[in-house]
């Protein structure tokens, strides 16, 4: 993970957004649309995203982190730790959740 931190922190002016919300709210779908990643989203009632991971957008204008659902039925502590890790990964520009983005 240290090599990822060095890579992403090499562009300190790049906005960093963390997607946070309940299971099934579309966090992973948004990440897929902005980054071209595949296989992160599903239509399951249980959380398919089990870890946090940062991604560059297509044009390199933002770094966006996908996180597990914060209301998961199983592995609540693991999910909370991954969400906390994403939030502390690099300086935040926005946290986006169920009520929309929150400016910091």
PDB file of N, CA and C in Angstrom:
ATOM      1  N   UNK A   1       0.817  -1.196   0.000  1.00  0.00           N
ATOM      2  CA  UNK A   1       0.000   0.000   0.000  1.00  0.00           C
ATOM      3  C   UNK A   1       0.861   1.259   0.000  1.00  0.00           C
ATOM      4  N   UNK A   2       2.074   1.190   0.529  1.00  0.00           N
ATOM      5  CA  UNK A   2       2.944   2.364   0.553  1.00  0.00           C
ATOM      6  C   UNK A   2       3.265   2.862  -0.849  1.00  0.00           C
ATOM      7  N   UNK A   3       3.464   1.928  -1.802  1.00  0.00           N
ATOM      8  CA  UNK A   3       3.747   2.363  -3.171  1.00  0.00           C
ATOM      9  C   UNK A   3       2.554   3.099  -3.769  1.00  0.00           C
ATOM     10  N   UNK A   4       1.328   2.711  -3.395  1.00  0.00           N
ATOM     11  CA  UNK A   4       0.145   3.423  -3.867  1.00  0.00           C
ATOM     12  C   UNK A   4       0.091   4.830  -3.288  1.00  0.00           C
ATOM     13  N   UNK A   5       0.399   4.949  -2.005  1.00  0.00           N
ATOM     14  CA  UNK A   5       0.387   6.269  -1.385  1.00  0.00           C
ATOM     15  C   UNK A   5       1.381   7.195  -2.071  1.00  0.00           C
ATOM     16  N   UNK A   6       2.586   6.691  -2.360  1.00  0.00           N
ATOM     17  CA  UNK A   6       3.589   7.517  -3.035  1.00  0.00           C
ATOM     18  C   UNK A   6       3.097   7.938  -4.418  1.00  0.00           C
ATOM     19  N   UNK A   7       2.493   7.011  -5.147  1.00  0.00           N
ATOM     20  CA  UNK A   7       2.002   7.303  -6.482  1.00  0.00           C
ATOM     21  C   UNK A   7       0.919   8.378  -6.448  1.00  0.00           C
ATOM     22  N   UNK A   8      -0.081   8.206  -5.605  1.00  0.00           N
ATOM     23  CA  UNK A   8      -1.186   9.153  -5.573  1.00  0.00           C
ATOM     24  C   UNK A   8      -0.799  10.476  -4.923  1.00  0.00           C
ATOM     25  N   UNK A   9       0.080  10.454  -3.966  1.00  0.00           N
ATOM     26  CA  UNK A   9       0.497  11.699  -3.312  1.00  0.00           C
ATOM     27  C   UNK A   9       1.471  12.507  -4.159  1.00  0.00           C
ATOM     28  N   UNK A  10       1.939  11.925  -5.258  1.00  0.00           N
ATOM     29  CA  UNK A  10       2.837  12.666  -6.137  1.00  0.00           C
ATOM     30  C   UNK A  10       2.100  13.779  -6.866  1.00  0.00           C
ATOM     31  N   UNK A  11       0.795  13.780  -6.831  1.00  0.00           N
ATOM     32  CA  UNK A  11      -0.020  14.822  -7.456  1.00  0.00           C
ATOM     33  C   UNK A  11      -0.896  15.471  -6.392  1.00  0.00           C
ATOM     34  N   UNK A  12      -0.299  16.262  -5.474  1.00  0.00           N
ATOM     35  CA  UNK A  12      -1.050  16.776  -4.330  1.00  0.00           C
ATOM     36  C   UNK A  12      -2.199  17.718  -4.693  1.00  0.00           C
ATOM     37  N   UNK A  13      -2.199  18.288  -5.880  1.00  0.00           N
ATOM     38  CA  UNK A  13      -3.279  19.199  -6.273  1.00  0.00           C
ATOM     39  C   UNK A  13      -4.483  18.451  -6.848  1.00  0.00           C
ATOM     40  N   UNK A  14      -4.329  17.166  -7.101  1.00  0.00           N
ATOM     41  CA  UNK A  14      -5.428  16.381  -7.663  1.00  0.00           C
ATOM     42  C   UNK A  14      -6.503  16.174  -6.605  1.00  0.00           C
ATOM     43  N   UNK A  15      -7.753  16.549  -6.895  1.00  0.00           N
ATOM     44  CA  UNK A  15      -8.824  16.333  -5.925  1.00  0.00           C
ATOM     45  C   UNK A  15      -8.986  14.840  -5.603  1.00  0.00           C
ATOM     46  N   UNK A  16      -9.233  14.554  -4.338  1.00  0.00           N
ATOM     47  CA  UNK A  16      -9.430  13.185  -3.857  1.00  0.00           C
ATOM     48  C   UNK A  16     -10.826  13.078  -3.271  1.00  0.00           C
ATOM     49  N   UNK A  17     -11.620  12.168  -3.816  1.00  0.00           N
ATOM     50  CA  UNK A  17     -13.004  11.979  -3.410  1.00  0.00           C
ATOM     51  C   UNK A  17     -13.169  10.559  -2.880  1.00  0.00           C
ATOM     52  N   UNK A  18     -13.845  10.417  -1.743  1.00  0.00           N
ATOM     53  CA  UNK A  18     -14.136   9.106  -1.170  1.00  0.00           C
ATOM     54  C   UNK A  18     -15.639   8.873  -1.237  1.00  0.00           C
ATOM     55  N   UNK A  19     -16.008   7.742  -1.825  1.00  0.00           N
ATOM     56  CA  UNK A  19     -17.418   7.365  -1.911  1.00  0.00           C
ATOM     57  C   UNK A  19     -17.784   6.593  -0.643  1.00  0.00           C
ATOM     58  N   UNK A  20     -18.748   7.116   0.117  1.00  0.00           N
ATOM     59  CA  UNK A  20     -19.184   6.485   1.364  1.00  0.00           C
ATOM     60  C   UNK A  20     -20.704   6.404   1.342  1.00  0.00           C
ATOM     61  N   UNK A  21     -21.244   5.256   1.740  1.00  0.00           N
ATOM     62  CA  UNK A  21     -22.691   5.117   1.792  1.00  0.00           C
ATOM     63  C   UNK A  21     -23.094   3.696   2.106  1.00  0.00           C
ATOM     64  N   UNK A  22     -24.381   3.491   2.182  1.00  0.00           N
ATOM     65  CA  UNK A  22     -24.928   2.171   2.478  1.00  0.00           C
ATOM     66  C   UNK A  22     -24.702   1.202   1.325  1.00  0.00           C
ATOM     67  N   UNK A  23     -24.846  -0.070   1.615  1.00  0.00           N
ATOM     68  CA  UNK A  23     -24.764  -1.111   0.601  1.00  0.00           C
ATOM     69  C   UNK A  23     -25.825  -0.839  -0.470  1.00  0.00           C
ATOM     70  N   UNK A  24     -25.435  -0.947  -1.737  1.00  0.00           N
ATOM     71  CA  UNK A  24     -26.386  -0.836  -2.829  1.00  0.00           C
ATOM     72  C   UNK A  24     -26.778   0.565  -3.242  1.00  0.00           C
ATOM     73  N   UNK A  25     -26.035   1.588  -2.808  1.00  0.00           N
ATOM     74  CA  UNK A  25     -26.393   2.964  -3.160  1.00  0.00           C
ATOM     75  C   UNK A  25     -25.713   3.470  -4.424  1.00  0.00           C
ATOM     76  N   UNK A  26     -24.882   2.641  -5.057  1.00  0.00           N
ATOM     77  CA  UNK A  26     -24.296   3.026  -6.333  1.00  0.00           C
ATOM     78  C   UNK A  26     -22.878   3.564  -6.283  1.00  0.00           C
ATOM     79  N   UNK A  27     -22.218   3.437  -5.147  1.00  0.00           N
ATOM     80  CA  UNK A  27     -20.839   3.935  -5.023  1.00  0.00           C
ATOM     81  C   UNK A  27     -19.925   3.307  -6.070  1.00  0.00           C
ATOM     82  N   UNK A  28     -19.947   1.995  -6.162  1.00  0.00           N
ATOM     83  CA  UNK A  28     -19.068   1.280  -7.099  1.00  0.00           C
ATOM     84  C   UNK A  28     -19.448   1.558  -8.544  1.00  0.00           C
ATOM     85  N   UNK A  29     -20.733   1.735  -8.819  1.00  0.00           N
ATOM     86  CA  UNK A  29     -21.179   2.048 -10.173  1.00  0.00           C
ATOM     87  C   UNK A  29     -20.609   3.395 -10.622  1.00  0.00           C
ATOM     88  N   UNK A  30     -20.637   4.368  -9.739  1.00  0.00           N
ATOM     89  CA  UNK A  30     -20.070   5.688 -10.064  1.00  0.00           C
ATOM     90  C   UNK A  30     -18.575   5.565 -10.316  1.00  0.00           C
ATOM     91  N   UNK A  31     -17.878   4.813  -9.472  1.00  0.00           N
ATOM     92  CA  UNK A  31     -16.438   4.616  -9.656  1.00  0.00           C
ATOM     93  C   UNK A  31     -16.166   3.962 -11.005  1.00  0.00           C
ATOM     94  N   UNK A  32     -16.947   2.953 -11.359  1.00  0.00           N
ATOM     95  CA  UNK A  32     -16.774   2.293 -12.663  1.00  0.00           C
ATOM     96  C   UNK A  32     -16.961   3.274 -13.812  1.00  0.00           C
ATOM     97  N   UNK A  33     -17.978   4.110 -13.728  1.00  0.00           N
ATOM     98  CA  UNK A  33     -18.265   5.067 -14.808  1.00  0.00           C
ATOM     99  C   UNK A  33     -17.163   6.109 -14.951  1.00  0.00           C
ATOM    100  N   UNK A  34     -16.582   6.545 -13.848  1.00  0.00           N
ATOM    101  CA  UNK A  34     -15.555   7.586 -13.893  1.00  0.00           C
ATOM    102  C   UNK A  34     -14.161   7.071 -14.222  1.00  0.00           C
ATOM    103  N   UNK A  35     -13.933   5.767 -14.011  1.00  0.00           N
ATOM    104  CA  UNK A  35     -12.565   5.246 -14.137  1.00  0.00           C
ATOM    105  C   UNK A  35     -12.385   4.165 -15.189  1.00  0.00           C
ATOM    106  N   UNK A  36     -13.473   3.556 -15.638  1.00  0.00           N
ATOM    107  CA  UNK A  36     -13.352   2.461 -16.589  1.00  0.00           C
ATOM    108  C   UNK A  36     -13.094   1.112 -15.945  1.00  0.00           C
ATOM    109  N   UNK A  37     -13.060   1.070 -14.617  1.00  0.00           N
ATOM    110  CA  UNK A  37     -12.920  -0.205 -13.908  1.00  0.00           C
ATOM    111  C   UNK A  37     -14.167  -1.050 -14.161  1.00  0.00           C
ATOM    112  N   UNK A  38     -14.010  -2.360 -14.096  1.00  0.00           N
ATOM    113  CA  UNK A  38     -15.138  -3.263 -14.296  1.00  0.00           C
ATOM    114  C   UNK A  38     -15.194  -4.284 -13.167  1.00  0.00           C
ATOM    115  N   UNK A  39     -16.387  -4.780 -12.881  1.00  0.00           N
ATOM    116  CA  UNK A  39     -16.559  -5.840 -11.904  1.00  0.00           C
ATOM    117  C   UNK A  39     -16.631  -5.387 -10.459  1.00  0.00           C
ATOM    118  N   UNK A  40     -16.772  -4.093 -10.233  1.00  0.00           N
ATOM    119  CA  UNK A  40     -16.868  -3.593  -8.852  1.00  0.00           C
ATOM    120  C   UNK A  40     -18.310  -3.527  -8.382  1.00  0.00           C
ATOM    121  N   UNK A  41     -19.251  -3.314  -9.278  1.00  0.00           N
ATOM    122  CA  UNK A  41     -20.644  -3.131  -8.867  1.00  0.00           C
ATOM    123  C   UNK A  41     -21.455  -4.401  -9.110  1.00  0.00           C
ATOM    124  N   UNK A  42     -22.581  -4.469  -8.420  1.00  0.00           N
ATOM    125  CA  UNK A  42     -23.500  -5.592  -8.605  1.00  0.00           C
ATOM    126  C   UNK A  42     -24.885  -5.146  -8.152  1.00  0.00           C
ATOM    127  N   UNK A  43     -25.846  -6.004  -8.342  1.00  0.00           N
ATOM    128  CA  UNK A  43     -27.206  -5.700  -7.886  1.00  0.00           C
ATOM    129  C   UNK A  43     -27.574  -6.555  -6.672  1.00  0.00           C
ATOM    130  N   UNK A  44     -26.570  -6.994  -5.940  1.00  0.00           N
ATOM    131  CA  UNK A  44     -26.779  -7.834  -4.757  1.00  0.00           C
ATOM    132  C   UNK A  44     -27.223  -6.988  -3.566  1.00  0.00           C
ATOM    133  N   UNK A  45     -27.941  -7.600  -2.650  1.00  0.00           N
ATOM    134  CA  UNK A  45     -28.371  -6.922  -1.421  1.00  0.00           C
ATOM    135  C   UNK A  45     -27.256  -6.901  -0.378  1.00  0.00           C
ATOM    136  N   UNK A  46     -26.219  -7.709  -0.597  1.00  0.00           N
ATOM    137  CA  UNK A  46     -25.079  -7.717   0.310  1.00  0.00           C
ATOM    138  C   UNK A  46     -23.924  -6.973  -0.348  1.00  0.00           C
ATOM    139  N   UNK A  47     -23.027  -6.492   0.463  1.00  0.00           N
ATOM    140  CA  UNK A  47     -21.904  -5.713  -0.047  1.00  0.00           C
ATOM    141  C   UNK A  47     -20.961  -6.584  -0.873  1.00  0.00           C
ATOM    142  N   UNK A  48     -20.694  -6.169  -2.101  1.00  0.00           N
ATOM    143  CA  UNK A  48     -19.743  -6.866  -2.956  1.00  0.00           C
ATOM    144  C   UNK A  48     -18.358  -6.228  -2.833  1.00  0.00           C
ATOM    145  N   UNK A  49     -18.310  -4.963  -2.443  1.00  0.00           N
ATOM    146  CA  UNK A  49     -17.042  -4.269  -2.257  1.00  0.00           C
ATOM    147  C   UNK A  49     -16.597  -4.521  -0.818  1.00  0.00           C
ATOM    148  N   UNK A  50     -15.498  -5.214  -0.659  1.00  0.00           N
ATOM    149  CA  UNK A  50     -15.049  -5.607   0.676  1.00  0.00           C
ATOM    150  C   UNK A  50     -13.836  -4.819   1.156  1.00  0.00           C
ATOM    151  N   UNK A  51     -13.221  -4.054   0.250  1.00  0.00           N
ATOM    152  CA  UNK A  51     -12.047  -3.253   0.600  1.00  0.00           C
ATOM    153  C   UNK A  51     -12.179  -1.872  -0.030  1.00  0.00           C
ATOM    154  N   UNK A  52     -11.293  -0.968   0.341  1.00  0.00           N
ATOM    155  CA  UNK A  52     -11.228   0.356  -0.282  1.00  0.00           C
ATOM    156  C   UNK A  52     -10.101   0.351  -1.294  1.00  0.00           C
ATOM    157  N   UNK A  53     -10.306   1.096  -2.361  1.00  0.00           N
ATOM    158  CA  UNK A  53      -9.256   1.191  -3.361  1.00  0.00           C
ATOM    159  C   UNK A  53      -9.383   2.520  -4.102  1.00  0.00           C
ATOM    160  N   UNK A  54      -8.270   3.250  -4.255  1.00  0.00           N
ATOM    161  CA  UNK A  54      -8.315   4.507  -5.012  1.00  0.00           C
ATOM    162  C   UNK A  54      -8.080   4.249  -6.501  1.00  0.00           C
ATOM    163  N   UNK A  55      -8.694   5.075  -7.336  1.00  0.00           N
ATOM    164  CA  UNK A  55      -8.545   4.973  -8.785  1.00  0.00           C
ATOM    165  C   UNK A  55      -8.413   6.368  -9.379  1.00  0.00           C
ATOM    166  N   UNK A  56      -7.647   6.479 -10.460  1.00  0.00           N
ATOM    167  CA  UNK A  56      -7.604   7.713 -11.245  1.00  0.00           C
ATOM    168  C   UNK A  56      -8.807   7.720 -12.175  1.00  0.00           C
ATOM    169  N   UNK A  57      -9.391   8.899 -12.405  1.00  0.00           N
ATOM    170  CA  UNK A  57     -10.447   9.027 -13.404  1.00  0.00           C
ATOM    171  C   UNK A  57      -9.830   8.888 -14.794  1.00  0.00           C
ATOM    172  N   UNK A  58     -10.691   8.718 -15.806  1.00  0.00           N
ATOM    173  CA  UNK A  58     -10.221   8.566 -17.182  1.00  0.00           C
ATOM    174  C   UNK A  58      -9.211   9.636 -17.573  1.00  0.00           C
ATOM    175  N   UNK A  59      -9.544  10.882 -17.262  1.00  0.00           N
ATOM    176  CA  UNK A  59      -8.702  11.994 -17.705  1.00  0.00           C
ATOM    177  C   UNK A  59      -7.644  12.403 -16.682  1.00  0.00           C
ATOM    178  N   UNK A  60      -7.570  11.682 -15.579  1.00  0.00           N
ATOM    179  CA  UNK A  60      -6.568  11.986 -14.558  1.00  0.00           C
ATOM    180  C   UNK A  60      -6.862  13.223 -13.735  1.00  0.00           C
ATOM    181  N   UNK A  61      -8.093  13.737 -13.820  1.00  0.00           N
ATOM    182  CA  UNK A  61      -8.413  14.986 -13.117  1.00  0.00           C
ATOM    183  C   UNK A  61      -8.787  14.779 -11.651  1.00  0.00           C
ATOM    184  N   UNK A  62      -9.163  13.552 -11.263  1.00  0.00           N
ATOM    185  CA  UNK A  62      -9.491  13.264  -9.865  1.00  0.00           C
ATOM    186  C   UNK A  62      -8.991  11.868  -9.498  1.00  0.00           C
ATOM    187  N   UNK A  63      -8.836  11.672  -8.200  1.00  0.00           N
ATOM    188  CA  UNK A  63      -8.630  10.345  -7.628  1.00  0.00           C
ATOM    189  C   UNK A  63      -9.893  10.059  -6.832  1.00  0.00           C
ATOM    190  N   UNK A  64     -10.505   8.915  -7.067  1.00  0.00           N
ATOM    191  CA  UNK A  64     -11.755   8.559  -6.394  1.00  0.00           C
ATOM    192  C   UNK A  64     -11.598   7.193  -5.729  1.00  0.00           C
ATOM    193  N   UNK A  65     -12.021   7.100  -4.476  1.00  0.00           N
ATOM    194  CA  UNK A  65     -11.903   5.847  -3.730  1.00  0.00           C
ATOM    195  C   UNK A  65     -13.277   5.221  -3.543  1.00  0.00           C
ATOM    196  N   UNK A  66     -13.352   3.945  -3.859  1.00  0.00           N
ATOM    197  CA  UNK A  66     -14.555   3.154  -3.609  1.00  0.00           C
ATOM    198  C   UNK A  66     -14.392   2.508  -2.237  1.00  0.00           C
ATOM    199  N   UNK A  67     -15.485   2.392  -1.497  1.00  0.00           N
ATOM    200  CA  UNK A  67     -15.432   1.785  -0.165  1.00  0.00           C
ATOM    201  C   UNK A  67     -16.567   0.784  -0.005  1.00  0.00           C
ATOM    202  N   UNK A  68     -16.452  -0.125   0.967  1.00  0.00           N
ATOM    203  CA  UNK A  68     -17.557  -1.046   1.262  1.00  0.00           C
ATOM    204  C   UNK A  68     -18.751  -0.281   1.832  1.00  0.00           C
ATOM    205  N   UNK A  69     -19.928  -0.905   1.785  1.00  0.00           N
ATOM    206  CA  UNK A  69     -21.115  -0.297   2.381  1.00  0.00           C
ATOM    207  C   UNK A  69     -20.959  -0.143   3.882  1.00  0.00           C
ATOM    208  N   UNK A  70     -21.392   1.010   4.394  1.00  0.00           N
ATOM    209  CA  UNK A  70     -21.202   1.272   5.829  1.00  0.00           C
ATOM    210  C   UNK A  70     -22.282   0.618   6.691  1.00  0.00           C
ATOM    211  N   UNK A  71     -23.297   0.018   6.079  1.00  0.00           N
ATOM    212  CA  UNK A  71     -24.337  -0.663   6.848  1.00  0.00           C
ATOM    213  C   UNK A  71     -24.341  -2.172   6.585  1.00  0.00           C
ATOM    214  N   UNK A  72     -23.189  -2.721   6.277  1.00  0.00           N
ATOM    215  CA  UNK A  72     -23.095  -4.156   5.960  1.00  0.00           C
ATOM    216  C   UNK A  72     -23.581  -5.003   7.127  1.00  0.00           C
ATOM    217  N   UNK A  73     -24.167  -6.133   6.798  1.00  0.00           N
ATOM    218  CA  UNK A  73     -24.660  -7.048   7.830  1.00  0.00           C
ATOM    219  C   UNK A  73     -23.525  -7.869   8.445  1.00  0.00           C
ATOM    220  N   UNK A  74     -22.508  -8.165   7.656  1.00  0.00           N
ATOM    221  CA  UNK A  74     -21.368  -8.949   8.120  1.00  0.00           C
ATOM    222  C   UNK A  74     -20.103  -8.094   8.040  1.00  0.00           C
ATOM    223  N   UNK A  75     -19.105  -8.464   8.789  1.00  0.00           N
ATOM    224  CA  UNK A  75     -17.785  -7.823   8.732  1.00  0.00           C
ATOM    225  C   UNK A  75     -17.826  -6.316   8.961  1.00  0.00           C
ATOM    226  N   UNK A  76     -18.657  -5.865   9.874  1.00  0.00           N
ATOM    227  CA  UNK A  76     -18.821  -4.430  10.109  1.00  0.00           C
ATOM    228  C   UNK A  76     -17.509  -3.750  10.493  1.00  0.00           C
ATOM    229  N   UNK A  77     -16.725  -4.403  11.349  1.00  0.00           N
ATOM    230  CA  UNK A  77     -15.463  -3.805  11.775  1.00  0.00           C
ATOM    231  C   UNK A  77     -14.498  -3.690  10.596  1.00  0.00           C
ATOM    232  N   UNK A  78     -14.408  -4.736   9.781  1.00  0.00           N
ATOM    233  CA  UNK A  78     -13.540  -4.683   8.599  1.00  0.00           C
ATOM    234  C   UNK A  78     -13.958  -3.558   7.664  1.00  0.00           C
ATOM    235  N   UNK A  79     -15.251  -3.448   7.410  1.00  0.00           N
ATOM    236  CA  UNK A  79     -15.742  -2.395   6.521  1.00  0.00           C
ATOM    237  C   UNK A  79     -15.405  -1.021   7.086  1.00  0.00           C
ATOM    238  N   UNK A  80     -15.604  -0.841   8.375  1.00  0.00           N
ATOM    239  CA  UNK A  80     -15.298   0.444   9.008  1.00  0.00           C
ATOM    240  C   UNK A  80     -13.816   0.778   8.894  1.00  0.00           C
ATOM    241  N   UNK A  81     -12.962  -0.217   9.067  1.00  0.00           N
ATOM    242  CA  UNK A  81     -11.522   0.015   8.949  1.00  0.00           C
ATOM    243  C   UNK A  81     -11.136   0.396   7.526  1.00  0.00           C
ATOM    244  N   UNK A  82     -11.722  -0.244   6.516  1.00  0.00           N
ATOM    245  CA  UNK A  82     -11.424   0.101   5.129  1.00  0.00           C
ATOM    246  C   UNK A  82     -11.909   1.506   4.800  1.00  0.00           C
ATOM    247  N   UNK A  83     -13.073   1.886   5.311  1.00  0.00           N
ATOM    248  CA  UNK A  83     -13.590   3.242   5.083  1.00  0.00           C
ATOM    249  C   UNK A  83     -12.667   4.264   5.739  1.00  0.00           C
ATOM    250  N   UNK A  84     -12.267   4.016   6.981  1.00  0.00           N
ATOM    251  CA  UNK A  84     -11.344   4.926   7.673  1.00  0.00           C
ATOM    252  C   UNK A  84     -10.018   5.029   6.922  1.00  0.00           C
ATOM    253  N   UNK A  85      -9.539   3.915   6.399  1.00  0.00           N
ATOM    254  CA  UNK A  85      -8.299   3.927   5.633  1.00  0.00           C
ATOM    255  C   UNK A  85      -8.403   4.775   4.378  1.00  0.00           C
ATOM    256  N   UNK A  86      -9.547   4.694   3.702  1.00  0.00           N
ATOM    257  CA  UNK A  86      -9.754   5.502   2.493  1.00  0.00           C
ATOM    258  C   UNK A  86      -9.787   6.984   2.829  1.00  0.00           C
ATOM    259  N   UNK A  87     -10.437   7.319   3.937  1.00  0.00           N
ATOM    260  CA  UNK A  87     -10.543   8.724   4.342  1.00  0.00           C
ATOM    261  C   UNK A  87      -9.178   9.289   4.721  1.00  0.00           C
ATOM    262  N   UNK A  88      -8.320   8.466   5.305  1.00  0.00           N
ATOM    263  CA  UNK A  88      -7.008   8.959   5.741  1.00  0.00           C
ATOM    264  C   UNK A  88      -5.898   8.710   4.717  1.00  0.00           C
ATOM    265  N   UNK A  89      -6.230   8.167   3.549  1.00  0.00           N
ATOM    266  CA  UNK A  89      -5.240   7.808   2.534  1.00  0.00           C
ATOM    267  C   UNK A  89      -4.454   9.011   2.030  1.00  0.00           C
ATOM    268  N   UNK A  90      -5.144  10.105   1.740  1.00  0.00           N
ATOM    269  CA  UNK A  90      -4.514  11.348   1.303  1.00  0.00           C
ATOM    270  C   UNK A  90      -5.487  12.480   1.606  1.00  0.00           C
ATOM    271  N   UNK A  91      -5.059  13.733   1.534  1.00  0.00           N
ATOM    272  CA  UNK A  91      -5.976  14.835   1.868  1.00  0.00           C
ATOM    273  C   UNK A  91      -7.243  14.796   1.020  1.00  0.00           C
ATOM    274  N   UNK A  92      -8.378  14.917   1.690  1.00  0.00           N
ATOM    275  CA  UNK A  92      -9.682  14.821   1.039  1.00  0.00           C
ATOM    276  C   UNK A  92     -10.116  16.135   0.410  1.00  0.00           C
ATOM    277  N   UNK A  93     -10.782  16.026  -0.727  1.00  0.00           N
ATOM    278  CA  UNK A  93     -11.445  17.170  -1.337  1.00  0.00           C
ATOM    279  C   UNK A  93     -12.933  17.099  -1.062  1.00  0.00           C
ATOM    280  N   UNK A  94     -13.505  15.885  -1.185  1.00  0.00           N
ATOM    281  CA  UNK A  94     -14.926  15.675  -0.938  1.00  0.00           C
ATOM    282  C   UNK A  94     -15.158  14.265  -0.427  1.00  0.00           C
ATOM    283  N   UNK A  95     -16.194  14.137   0.384  1.00  0.00           N
ATOM    284  CA  UNK A  95     -16.729  12.840   0.760  1.00  0.00           C
ATOM    285  C   UNK A  95     -18.118  12.815   0.176  1.00  0.00           C
ATOM    286  N   UNK A  96     -18.402  11.812  -0.642  1.00  0.00           N
ATOM    287  CA  UNK A  96     -19.712  11.747  -1.281  1.00  0.00           C
ATOM    288  C   UNK A  96     -20.492  10.572  -0.689  1.00  0.00           C
ATOM    289  N   UNK A  97     -21.734  10.847  -0.301  1.00  0.00           N
ATOM    290  CA  UNK A  97     -22.557   9.803   0.292  1.00  0.00           C
ATOM    291  C   UNK A  97     -24.002   9.945  -0.125  1.00  0.00           C
ATOM    292  N   UNK A  98     -24.880   9.380   0.668  1.00  0.00           N
ATOM    293  CA  UNK A  98     -26.301   9.337   0.337  1.00  0.00           C
ATOM    294  C   UNK A  98     -26.960  10.682   0.160  1.00  0.00           C
ATOM    295  N   UNK A  99     -26.478  11.695   0.870  1.00  0.00           N
ATOM    296  CA  UNK A  99     -27.068  13.025   0.759  1.00  0.00           C
ATOM    297  C   UNK A  99     -26.303  13.933  -0.186  1.00  0.00           C
ATOM    298  N   UNK A 100     -25.409  13.359  -0.975  1.00  0.00           N
ATOM    299  CA  UNK A 100     -24.622  14.147  -1.909  1.00  0.00           C
ATOM    300  C   UNK A 100     -23.274  14.510  -1.333  1.00  0.00           C
ATOM    301  N   UNK A 101     -22.465  15.254  -2.091  1.00  0.00           N
ATOM    302  CA  UNK A 101     -21.111  15.572  -1.664  1.00  0.00           C
ATOM    303  C   UNK A 101     -21.077  16.520  -0.483  1.00  0.00           C
ATOM    304  N   UNK A 102     -20.061  16.368   0.320  1.00  0.00           N
ATOM    305  CA  UNK A 102     -19.824  17.228   1.471  1.00  0.00           C
ATOM    306  C   UNK A 102     -18.498  17.923   1.236  1.00  0.00           C
ATOM    307  N   UNK A 103     -18.497  19.228   1.124  1.00  0.00           N
ATOM    308  CA  UNK A 103     -17.250  19.961   0.925  1.00  0.00           C
ATOM    309  C   UNK A 103     -16.469  20.016   2.214  1.00  0.00           C
ATOM    310  N   UNK A 104     -15.151  19.900   2.096  1.00  0.00           N
ATOM    311  CA  UNK A 104     -14.279  19.949   3.276  1.00  0.00           C
ATOM    312  C   UNK A 104     -13.490  21.225   3.304  1.00  0.00           C
TER     313      UNK A 104
END
